[in-house]
Protein backbone atom coordinates (compact mmCIF):
# COMPACT_ATOMS: atom_id res chain seq x y z
CA MET A 1 63.03 -18.52 6.73
CA VAL A 2 62.22 -20.58 3.83
CA MET A 3 59.66 -22.63 5.56
CA ILE A 4 57.90 -19.42 6.57
CA GLU A 5 58.03 -17.91 3.04
CA TRP A 6 56.52 -21.34 1.77
CA LEU A 7 53.73 -21.35 4.47
CA GLY A 8 52.83 -17.93 3.32
CA LEU A 9 52.87 -18.65 -0.20
CA SER A 10 50.70 -21.75 0.49
CA VAL A 11 48.22 -19.48 2.61
CA TRP A 12 47.82 -17.20 -0.41
CA VAL A 13 47.43 -20.12 -2.75
CA VAL A 14 44.61 -21.46 -0.71
CA VAL A 15 42.91 -17.83 -0.40
CA ALA A 16 43.10 -17.43 -4.16
CA TRP A 17 41.67 -20.81 -4.88
CA PHE A 18 38.81 -20.48 -2.33
CA THR A 19 38.05 -17.13 -3.77
CA TYR A 20 38.38 -18.45 -7.39
CA VAL A 21 35.80 -21.29 -6.32
CA ALA A 22 33.36 -18.93 -4.71
CA ALA A 23 33.30 -16.46 -7.59
CA LEU A 24 32.73 -19.11 -10.21
CA ALA A 25 29.97 -20.83 -7.75
CA VAL A 26 27.98 -17.49 -7.55
CA TRP A 27 28.37 -17.26 -11.68
CA ILE A 28 27.15 -20.79 -12.38
CA ILE A 29 24.42 -20.81 -9.74
CA LEU A 30 22.90 -17.76 -11.34
CA GLN A 31 22.75 -19.49 -14.54
CA LYS A 32 19.79 -21.41 -12.51
CA ARG A 33 20.49 -24.73 -14.29
CA GLU A 34 19.55 -28.25 -12.80
CA PRO A 35 20.87 -28.60 -9.60
CA ALA A 36 22.91 -31.90 -10.60
CA ALA A 37 24.62 -30.32 -13.53
CA THR A 38 25.30 -27.08 -11.60
CA LEU A 39 26.95 -28.96 -8.92
CA ALA A 40 28.87 -30.89 -11.40
CA TRP A 41 30.20 -27.86 -12.91
CA ILE A 42 31.39 -26.29 -9.69
CA MET A 43 33.28 -29.47 -8.84
CA SER A 44 34.77 -29.73 -11.98
CA LEU A 45 36.02 -26.03 -12.09
CA ALA A 46 37.35 -26.46 -8.44
CA ALA A 47 39.28 -29.62 -9.29
CA LEU A 48 40.56 -28.07 -12.39
CA PRO A 49 41.05 -24.46 -12.02
CA VAL A 50 42.66 -23.55 -15.44
CA ILE A 51 41.40 -26.28 -17.84
CA GLY A 52 37.95 -26.40 -16.06
CA PHE A 53 37.34 -22.65 -16.56
CA PHE A 54 38.47 -22.90 -20.03
CA VAL A 55 35.89 -25.81 -20.73
CA TYR A 56 33.20 -24.04 -19.13
CA TYR A 57 34.08 -20.64 -20.80
CA VAL A 58 34.01 -22.33 -24.31
CA PHE A 59 31.01 -25.17 -23.67
CA GLY A 60 29.38 -24.06 -20.52
CA PRO A 61 25.44 -23.77 -20.53
CA ARG A 62 24.34 -20.45 -21.36
CA ARG A 63 21.78 -18.56 -23.67
CA ILE A 64 22.22 -16.61 -26.56
CA GLU A 65 20.55 -13.29 -26.58
CA ARG A 66 18.82 -12.66 -30.10
CA HIS A 67 16.24 -10.43 -28.92
CA ARG A 68 16.73 -7.65 -31.23
CA SER A 69 16.52 -9.58 -34.30
CA ARG A 70 13.31 -11.51 -33.00
CA ARG A 71 11.69 -8.03 -32.17
CA HIS A 72 12.47 -6.85 -35.75
CA THR A 73 10.94 -10.03 -37.50
CA THR A 74 8.13 -10.49 -35.30
CA SER A 75 6.80 -6.84 -35.82
CA SER A 76 3.17 -6.27 -36.05
CA LEU A 77 3.41 -6.23 -39.95
CA TRP A 78 4.84 -9.85 -39.70
CA ASP A 79 2.03 -10.91 -37.21
CA GLU A 80 -0.70 -9.45 -39.15
CA THR A 81 0.50 -11.03 -42.63
CA VAL A 82 1.40 -14.58 -41.11
CA GLY A 83 -0.57 -14.74 -38.07
CA GLU A 84 -3.94 -14.26 -39.58
CA ASN A 85 -3.43 -17.34 -41.85
CA ALA A 86 -3.08 -19.26 -38.55
CA ALA A 87 -6.59 -18.74 -37.34
CA MET A 88 -7.80 -22.38 -38.60
CA ALA A 89 -9.92 -24.98 -36.76
CA VAL A 90 -8.54 -28.24 -35.48
CA ALA A 91 -11.89 -30.20 -35.29
CA ASP A 92 -10.78 -32.57 -38.06
CA ALA A 93 -7.53 -33.34 -36.34
CA PRO A 94 -6.86 -37.10 -35.87
CA HIS A 95 -7.08 -37.10 -32.21
CA GLU A 96 -7.43 -34.63 -29.04
CA LEU A 97 -3.69 -34.50 -28.70
CA THR A 98 -3.63 -31.88 -31.52
CA VAL A 99 -5.11 -28.97 -29.59
CA ARG A 100 -2.94 -29.16 -26.49
CA HIS A 101 0.18 -29.88 -28.34
CA THR A 102 -0.33 -27.03 -30.87
CA GLU A 103 -0.71 -24.76 -27.78
CA LEU A 104 2.50 -25.87 -26.35
CA VAL A 105 4.58 -25.49 -29.55
CA GLN A 106 2.77 -21.98 -29.99
CA ALA A 107 3.59 -20.79 -26.22
CA SER A 108 7.22 -22.10 -26.34
CA CYS A 109 8.32 -20.84 -29.69
CA GLN A 110 5.57 -18.40 -30.88
CA MET A 111 4.92 -20.46 -33.94
CA PRO A 112 1.14 -21.05 -34.59
CA LEU A 113 -0.51 -23.83 -36.19
CA THR A 114 -0.74 -23.38 -39.95
CA THR A 115 -1.55 -25.52 -43.09
CA ALA A 116 0.13 -26.74 -46.04
CA THR A 117 -1.57 -27.28 -49.54
CA SER A 118 1.01 -29.92 -50.51
CA LEU A 119 3.10 -32.17 -48.38
CA GLU A 120 5.64 -35.01 -49.67
CA LEU A 121 7.78 -37.13 -47.68
CA LEU A 122 11.18 -37.48 -49.54
CA VAL A 123 13.15 -40.52 -48.87
CA ASP A 124 16.84 -40.36 -49.08
CA GLY A 125 19.28 -37.78 -50.73
CA VAL A 126 18.88 -38.48 -54.32
CA ALA A 127 15.21 -37.82 -54.15
CA THR A 128 15.66 -34.74 -52.04
CA TYR A 129 18.32 -33.14 -54.23
CA ASP A 130 16.29 -33.56 -57.63
CA ALA A 131 13.11 -32.01 -55.97
CA LEU A 132 15.52 -29.44 -54.42
CA CYS A 133 17.19 -28.60 -57.84
CA LYS A 134 13.95 -28.55 -59.66
CA ALA A 135 12.23 -26.07 -57.18
CA ILE A 136 15.37 -23.71 -57.36
CA ALA A 137 15.24 -24.04 -61.31
CA GLY A 138 11.88 -22.72 -61.17
CA ALA A 139 12.44 -19.82 -58.77
CA LYS A 140 10.95 -16.54 -60.23
CA LYS A 141 11.77 -14.04 -56.93
CA HIS A 142 13.90 -15.53 -54.31
CA VAL A 143 15.69 -18.41 -52.88
CA HIS A 144 16.57 -18.78 -49.20
CA LEU A 145 18.69 -21.51 -48.01
CA GLU A 146 20.30 -22.30 -44.69
CA TYR A 147 22.12 -25.70 -44.14
CA TYR A 148 24.49 -27.15 -41.40
CA ILE A 149 26.21 -29.17 -44.26
CA PHE A 150 26.74 -27.73 -47.41
CA ALA A 151 29.77 -29.46 -48.85
CA ALA A 152 32.02 -28.60 -51.58
CA ASP A 153 31.58 -31.75 -53.58
CA CYS A 154 29.77 -32.85 -56.44
CA THR A 155 26.42 -32.78 -54.64
CA GLY A 156 27.22 -29.31 -53.41
CA THR A 157 28.42 -28.17 -56.56
CA ARG A 158 25.29 -29.47 -58.09
CA VAL A 159 23.00 -27.51 -55.93
CA ARG A 160 25.62 -24.35 -55.86
CA ASP A 161 25.29 -24.19 -59.59
CA ALA A 162 21.56 -24.34 -59.71
CA LEU A 163 21.63 -21.13 -57.25
CA VAL A 164 24.32 -19.47 -59.51
CA GLU A 165 21.98 -19.86 -62.53
CA ARG A 166 19.01 -18.53 -60.74
CA ALA A 167 21.06 -15.53 -59.51
CA LYS A 168 22.52 -14.41 -62.79
CA ALA A 169 18.79 -14.54 -63.98
CA GLY A 170 17.85 -11.81 -61.25
CA VAL A 171 16.61 -13.95 -58.49
CA GLU A 172 17.63 -12.99 -55.15
CA VAL A 173 19.71 -15.72 -53.65
CA ARG A 174 20.68 -15.99 -49.97
CA VAL A 175 22.78 -18.91 -48.40
CA LEU A 176 23.52 -19.23 -44.83
CA LEU A 177 25.73 -22.04 -43.68
CA ASP A 178 26.87 -23.04 -40.26
CA ALA A 179 30.80 -22.64 -40.19
CA ALA A 180 31.00 -25.92 -38.12
CA GLY A 181 29.16 -28.25 -40.28
CA SER A 182 30.68 -26.59 -43.52
CA TRP A 183 33.87 -25.92 -42.14
CA LYS A 184 35.51 -27.27 -45.35
CA THR A 185 33.49 -25.09 -47.80
CA GLY A 186 35.62 -22.33 -48.05
CA ASP A 187 35.68 -18.88 -50.11
CA ASP A 188 36.70 -20.44 -53.34
CA PHE A 189 33.41 -22.63 -53.58
CA LEU A 190 31.25 -19.82 -52.80
CA LYS A 191 32.74 -17.41 -54.95
CA PRO A 192 30.65 -18.26 -58.06
CA LEU A 193 27.76 -17.41 -56.03
CA ARG A 194 28.80 -14.24 -54.99
CA ASP A 195 30.06 -13.14 -58.41
CA ALA A 196 26.65 -13.92 -59.70
CA GLY A 197 25.07 -11.60 -57.05
CA ALA A 198 23.97 -14.04 -54.47
CA GLU A 199 24.84 -13.36 -50.95
CA ALA A 200 26.55 -16.27 -48.79
CA GLU A 201 27.45 -16.06 -45.07
CA ASN A 202 27.99 -18.06 -42.17
CA PHE A 203 25.77 -18.34 -39.18
CA HIS A 204 28.42 -17.98 -36.69
CA HIS A 205 31.98 -17.91 -37.63
CA MET A 206 34.39 -20.73 -36.23
CA TRP A 207 35.95 -18.44 -33.62
CA GLY A 208 33.17 -16.06 -33.40
CA MET A 209 32.51 -14.44 -30.14
CA SER A 210 29.27 -13.42 -28.17
CA LYS A 211 29.83 -11.26 -25.04
CA PHE A 212 33.43 -12.21 -25.20
CA ARG A 213 32.58 -15.84 -25.19
CA PRO A 214 32.92 -18.23 -28.34
CA VAL A 215 29.87 -19.67 -30.01
CA PHE A 216 31.02 -22.06 -32.38
CA ASN A 217 29.66 -24.79 -29.93
CA PHE A 218 26.07 -23.25 -30.74
CA ARG A 219 25.47 -24.43 -34.36
CA SER A 220 22.81 -24.00 -36.97
CA HIS A 221 21.68 -27.48 -37.33
CA ARG A 222 18.75 -26.39 -39.34
CA LYS A 223 18.31 -27.37 -43.30
CA ILE A 224 15.84 -25.00 -44.68
CA CYS A 225 15.09 -23.97 -48.31
CA ILE A 226 12.38 -21.65 -49.49
CA VAL A 227 11.49 -20.89 -53.05
CA ASP A 228 9.47 -17.66 -53.82
CA GLY A 229 7.79 -18.11 -50.44
CA THR A 230 5.67 -20.91 -51.88
CA ILE A 231 7.71 -24.15 -51.71
CA CYS A 232 9.76 -25.17 -48.80
CA PHE A 233 12.01 -27.91 -47.67
CA THR A 234 13.25 -29.15 -44.21
CA GLY A 235 14.28 -32.19 -42.73
CA GLY A 236 17.50 -34.27 -42.07
CA VAL A 237 19.27 -34.52 -45.31
CA ASN A 238 22.41 -32.31 -45.80
CA ILE A 239 23.76 -31.32 -49.27
CA THR A 240 26.82 -33.87 -49.34
CA ASP A 241 27.92 -36.77 -51.26
CA ASP A 242 27.78 -38.69 -48.00
CA GLU A 243 23.92 -38.63 -48.58
CA ASN A 244 23.87 -39.41 -52.47
CA ALA A 245 23.33 -43.05 -53.36
CA LYS A 246 24.08 -42.19 -56.61
CA LEU A 247 27.89 -41.13 -55.81
CA ASN A 248 28.13 -43.54 -52.70
CA PRO A 249 25.85 -46.55 -53.01
CA GLU A 250 27.52 -48.67 -50.62
CA THR A 251 27.85 -46.23 -47.80
CA TYR A 252 25.02 -43.12 -48.36
CA PHE A 253 23.35 -42.08 -45.45
CA HIS A 254 19.69 -43.35 -45.08
CA ASP A 255 17.79 -39.86 -44.52
CA ILE A 256 14.15 -38.50 -45.10
CA HIS A 257 13.07 -34.76 -45.83
CA LEU A 258 9.82 -32.83 -46.64
CA ARG A 259 8.98 -30.89 -49.34
CA MET A 260 5.81 -28.50 -48.54
CA GLU A 261 3.65 -25.83 -50.26
CA GLY A 262 1.33 -23.08 -48.94
CA GLN A 263 1.07 -21.45 -45.66
CA VAL A 264 3.90 -23.14 -43.96
CA ALA A 265 6.58 -21.60 -46.33
CA ASN A 266 5.85 -18.25 -44.62
CA HIS A 267 6.62 -19.94 -41.20
CA LEU A 268 9.75 -21.25 -42.48
CA GLN A 269 10.64 -17.81 -44.03
CA ARG A 270 10.31 -16.41 -40.80
CA VAL A 271 12.86 -18.74 -39.25
CA PHE A 272 15.40 -18.14 -42.07
CA LEU A 273 15.09 -14.28 -41.62
CA GLU A 274 15.50 -14.17 -38.11
CA ASP A 275 18.70 -16.26 -38.51
CA TRP A 276 19.78 -14.08 -41.36
CA HIS A 277 19.36 -10.81 -39.39
CA TYR A 278 21.20 -12.46 -36.40
CA ALA A 279 24.06 -13.68 -38.49
CA THR A 280 24.50 -10.56 -40.65
CA ASP A 281 22.82 -7.65 -38.83
CA LYS A 282 20.78 -7.17 -42.04
CA LEU A 283 17.12 -7.76 -42.27
CA PRO A 284 15.49 -7.70 -45.82
CA ASP A 285 11.94 -6.53 -45.74
CA PRO A 286 9.76 -9.37 -44.44
CA GLU A 287 6.77 -8.06 -46.55
CA SER A 288 8.66 -8.96 -49.64
CA TYR A 289 9.00 -12.40 -48.67
CA VAL A 290 5.40 -13.29 -47.40
CA ARG A 291 2.99 -14.76 -49.89
CA GLU A 292 -0.78 -15.12 -49.39
CA HIS A 293 -2.02 -18.55 -49.43
CA ALA A 294 -5.26 -20.40 -49.06
CA SER A 295 -5.69 -22.54 -46.45
CA GLY A 296 -4.61 -25.79 -47.25
CA GLU A 297 -5.78 -29.45 -46.32
CA PHE A 298 -2.81 -30.24 -44.18
CA ALA A 299 -2.58 -28.97 -40.35
CA VAL A 300 1.22 -28.49 -39.69
CA GLN A 301 3.24 -26.32 -37.16
CA ILE A 302 6.83 -25.25 -37.14
CA ILE A 303 8.93 -25.92 -34.14
CA ALA A 304 12.01 -23.28 -34.17
CA SER A 305 14.43 -23.95 -31.09
CA GLY A 306 17.78 -22.92 -29.88
CA PRO A 307 19.74 -21.61 -27.01
CA ASP A 308 18.17 -18.24 -27.79
CA CYS A 309 14.87 -19.85 -26.13
CA ARG A 310 14.25 -20.49 -22.65
CA TRP A 311 11.55 -23.03 -23.08
CA GLU A 312 13.51 -25.68 -25.07
CA PRO A 313 10.51 -26.09 -27.57
CA THR A 314 11.64 -29.22 -29.35
CA HIS A 315 12.53 -31.06 -26.29
CA ARG A 316 9.02 -30.10 -24.80
CA ALA A 317 7.25 -31.04 -28.03
CA PHE A 318 8.98 -34.56 -28.09
CA VAL A 319 8.26 -35.29 -24.37
CA ASP A 320 4.77 -33.84 -24.46
CA ALA A 321 3.88 -35.76 -27.50
CA ILE A 322 5.21 -39.14 -25.77
CA HIS A 323 3.35 -38.34 -22.56
CA ALA A 324 0.13 -38.16 -24.70
CA ALA A 325 0.55 -41.18 -26.49
CA THR A 326 -2.39 -43.86 -26.17
CA GLU A 327 -1.15 -46.52 -28.57
CA ARG A 328 2.45 -46.12 -30.38
CA VAL A 329 5.47 -44.15 -29.80
CA TRP A 330 7.95 -44.87 -32.94
CA LEU A 331 11.21 -42.79 -32.64
CA THR A 332 13.82 -43.02 -35.26
CA THR A 333 16.92 -41.15 -34.36
CA PRO A 334 20.73 -41.55 -35.57
CA TYR A 335 21.81 -40.24 -31.93
CA PHE A 336 19.89 -41.48 -29.03
CA VAL A 337 21.01 -39.70 -25.93
CA PRO A 338 17.92 -38.59 -24.27
CA SER A 339 17.54 -36.06 -21.47
CA GLU A 340 16.27 -37.31 -18.01
CA ALA A 341 12.71 -35.98 -19.02
CA ALA A 342 12.85 -37.83 -22.40
CA LEU A 343 14.29 -41.00 -20.91
CA MET A 344 11.19 -40.76 -18.38
CA ALA A 345 8.60 -40.13 -20.92
CA LEU A 346 9.73 -43.11 -23.17
CA THR A 347 9.93 -45.55 -20.31
CA SER A 348 6.88 -44.29 -18.80
CA ALA A 349 4.86 -44.60 -22.17
CA ALA A 350 5.97 -48.22 -22.36
CA MET A 351 5.17 -49.04 -18.81
CA ARG A 352 1.48 -47.93 -19.49
CA GLY A 353 1.26 -50.27 -22.33
CA VAL A 354 2.10 -48.17 -25.19
CA ASP A 355 3.92 -49.60 -28.06
CA VAL A 356 7.21 -47.72 -27.82
CA ARG A 357 10.16 -48.60 -30.42
CA VAL A 358 13.36 -46.98 -30.91
CA LEU A 359 15.36 -47.02 -34.13
CA THR A 360 18.91 -46.15 -34.40
CA PRO A 361 22.03 -47.19 -36.60
CA GLU A 362 24.44 -49.93 -36.07
CA LYS A 363 26.89 -48.39 -38.32
CA SER A 364 27.33 -44.84 -36.82
CA ASP A 365 29.32 -41.93 -37.95
CA SER A 366 30.20 -40.89 -34.33
CA LYS A 367 31.43 -43.87 -32.14
CA LEU A 368 30.93 -41.67 -28.95
CA ALA A 369 27.20 -41.13 -29.59
CA LYS A 370 26.87 -44.99 -30.36
CA LEU A 371 28.44 -45.83 -27.01
CA ALA A 372 26.46 -43.35 -25.04
CA ALA A 373 23.27 -44.66 -26.86
CA ARG A 374 24.18 -48.35 -25.86
CA SER A 375 24.40 -47.34 -22.18
CA PHE A 376 20.55 -46.66 -22.14
CA TYR A 377 19.46 -49.74 -23.58
CA ASP A 378 19.22 -51.90 -20.35
CA GLU A 379 17.13 -49.29 -18.94
CA ILE A 380 14.53 -48.74 -21.72
CA LEU A 381 14.53 -52.76 -22.37
CA ALA A 382 13.78 -53.19 -18.86
CA ALA A 383 10.62 -50.62 -19.02
CA GLY A 384 9.34 -52.45 -22.16
CA VAL A 385 10.64 -50.30 -25.04
CA ARG A 386 11.76 -52.33 -28.05
CA VAL A 387 15.35 -51.39 -29.47
CA PHE A 388 16.31 -51.90 -33.20
CA GLU A 389 19.56 -51.14 -34.88
CA TYR A 390 19.69 -50.40 -38.46
CA GLN A 391 22.11 -52.71 -40.22
CA PRO A 392 22.90 -51.44 -43.91
CA ARG A 393 24.50 -48.08 -43.33
CA MET A 394 24.33 -44.89 -41.40
CA LEU A 395 20.81 -43.96 -40.42
CA HIS A 396 20.37 -40.11 -40.18
CA ALA A 397 16.69 -39.93 -40.31
CA LYS A 398 14.95 -37.99 -37.35
CA ALA A 399 11.29 -38.69 -37.03
CA LEU A 400 8.69 -39.27 -34.24
CA LEU A 401 5.45 -41.20 -35.02
CA ILE A 402 2.56 -40.85 -32.40
CA ASP A 403 -0.44 -43.11 -32.58
CA ASP A 404 -2.49 -42.68 -35.89
CA GLY A 405 -1.84 -39.12 -36.88
CA LEU A 406 0.66 -37.11 -35.20
CA VAL A 407 4.32 -37.00 -36.91
CA ILE A 408 7.46 -34.84 -35.93
CA ILE A 409 10.21 -34.65 -38.86
CA GLY A 410 13.07 -32.17 -39.10
CA THR A 411 16.34 -31.69 -37.82
CA SER A 412 16.46 -32.65 -34.21
CA ASN A 413 18.29 -35.62 -32.85
CA PHE A 414 16.88 -37.10 -29.55
CA ASP A 415 19.68 -35.86 -27.69
CA SER A 416 20.61 -32.99 -25.37
CA ARG A 417 22.64 -30.90 -27.99
CA SER A 418 19.73 -30.77 -30.17
CA PHE A 419 17.02 -30.13 -27.42
CA ARG A 420 19.66 -27.51 -25.69
CA LEU A 421 22.55 -26.42 -27.93
CA ASN A 422 21.86 -26.45 -31.49
CA PHE A 423 19.53 -23.96 -33.54
CA GLU A 424 17.02 -26.55 -34.93
CA VAL A 425 13.76 -26.57 -37.25
CA ASP A 426 10.97 -29.29 -36.93
CA VAL A 427 7.64 -29.65 -38.55
CA VAL A 428 4.72 -31.20 -36.48
CA ILE A 429 2.30 -32.75 -38.97
CA HIS A 430 -1.40 -33.69 -37.79
CA GLU A 431 -2.27 -35.84 -40.44
CA GLN A 432 -2.96 -39.88 -40.93
CA CYS A 433 -1.65 -39.75 -44.56
CA MET A 434 1.71 -38.55 -43.40
CA ALA A 435 1.51 -41.10 -40.49
CA ASP A 436 0.67 -44.07 -42.87
CA SER A 437 3.76 -42.71 -45.35
CA LEU A 438 6.04 -42.80 -42.22
CA GLU A 439 4.90 -46.15 -40.90
CA LYS A 440 5.73 -47.50 -44.18
CA VAL A 441 9.34 -46.40 -44.32
CA TRP A 442 9.66 -47.33 -40.37
CA ASN A 443 8.33 -50.73 -41.50
CA ASP A 444 10.88 -51.14 -44.31
CA ASN A 445 13.80 -49.98 -42.20
CA GLN A 446 12.63 -52.48 -39.06
CA ALA A 447 12.88 -55.31 -41.77
CA GLN A 448 16.57 -54.28 -42.03
CA SER A 449 17.26 -54.08 -38.53
CA ILE A 450 18.40 -56.36 -35.70
CA GLU A 451 16.09 -56.17 -32.53
CA ILE A 452 18.09 -55.73 -29.28
CA GLU A 453 16.74 -58.41 -26.86
CA LYS A 454 16.22 -57.85 -23.16
CA ASP A 455 17.85 -61.11 -22.13
CA ARG A 456 20.93 -60.74 -24.34
CA PRO A 457 24.30 -61.55 -23.17
CA GLN A 458 25.93 -58.67 -21.11
CA PRO A 459 28.71 -57.19 -23.22
CA PRO A 460 32.25 -57.65 -21.98
CA PHE A 461 33.38 -55.26 -19.21
CA PRO A 462 35.84 -52.91 -21.17
CA ARG A 463 32.77 -52.08 -23.62
CA ARG A 464 30.19 -51.62 -20.41
CA LEU A 465 32.77 -49.06 -19.08
CA ARG A 466 33.40 -47.31 -22.39
CA GLU A 467 29.46 -47.06 -22.78
CA ALA A 468 28.88 -45.69 -19.52
CA SER A 469 31.85 -43.25 -19.67
CA ALA A 470 30.50 -41.98 -23.07
CA ARG A 471 27.23 -41.36 -21.10
CA LEU A 472 28.87 -38.96 -18.80
CA LEU A 473 29.43 -36.70 -22.06
CA ALA A 474 25.57 -36.92 -22.98
CA PRO A 475 24.85 -33.18 -22.46
CA MET A 476 27.55 -32.44 -24.96
CA LEU A 477 26.93 -34.97 -27.45
């Protein structure tokens, strides 16, 4: 009798398991992702019915729907006020890549080519914080600021107090923080801002839900500041003592940032207002924050990407630029965990004779990402890519230099998280002067780096195993 009952229970368990696997397989297949990733998720969930389902539920690939906020901020009013300024010729651009690349970016994220009247490359946190606080101090109408990390430390207090002073003077101040990146920044730190009349909100709450699923894995990695619709900033520098050489002269992160003026500020304004509306369900009138600017001498284009966009704009922009390169591809990234498409683009460029170089940090703030990055070295070195590891400190800069006149600088790392999971913002600059400035920074960095040789001795087996294992987590790093 016991044996019969046990067999009966076993049958029901098997039926339940097959039903569970079939239902999840249908669910995952309908996501229409890469076949290998789809099969991997199905097998993982089948092998780990409870744990696997939880992991997929929290971290599994999906899109975030933000159509209602996009429809509001891309109204006819916005398109008329901003879109008209984008009607500019590209005949003076450095090379033919410009036209096709701008078309790709616009098609993927609806951000047209525009101009800047001023363009400045800021190296490291001290220069960035000085320029940022100076711009905030001069604000007359509004300051909009969105950051992944806005730390409650000395650097964060300096920027916060600059915002408080402007808010008390009647300037509109809005601050949007990512709850994951700024998880240590509590209400006590933000209270002076709110007491002064500023608005401070989280992009996603740590345990926020979207359609009954957690969203904390989908982070706003953006660093944006717009002052009076005229001056704007973006790049890799977070607001934290970790990037402040005055406070941490031995261990500060090495980074770069951009300060811009002109029409481009309207485009970053659009990104911020979309994010503000998405996070708060409040949409300030776009007309109040758009400014008319004369066309500038610098051709630039904003790339706004995130899991709300099906076309993976940053991913496509990087891959397309690398494929189009004829002379050089110099990539600086703190986290080198490329997708298959990006890896193919880099190795193909090197194999056709393009000078391809990759610069990553030897001292990383993520041991897992560093291990994963090194697992790609043998493959790209064999194709002819030169790899350099920056020695002095953590290298946090994110930049791509193509030939003699196309530069991409922003918040995106060269990894699947930036390409597919994070909300990112980058600037494509079609100017030789910026390419020259970035080349100078690159040469300084390379001089402080060690080149990884193709014929170097193989690392010990335990390390190779750790690197290969870390690579398995590449889609989530």
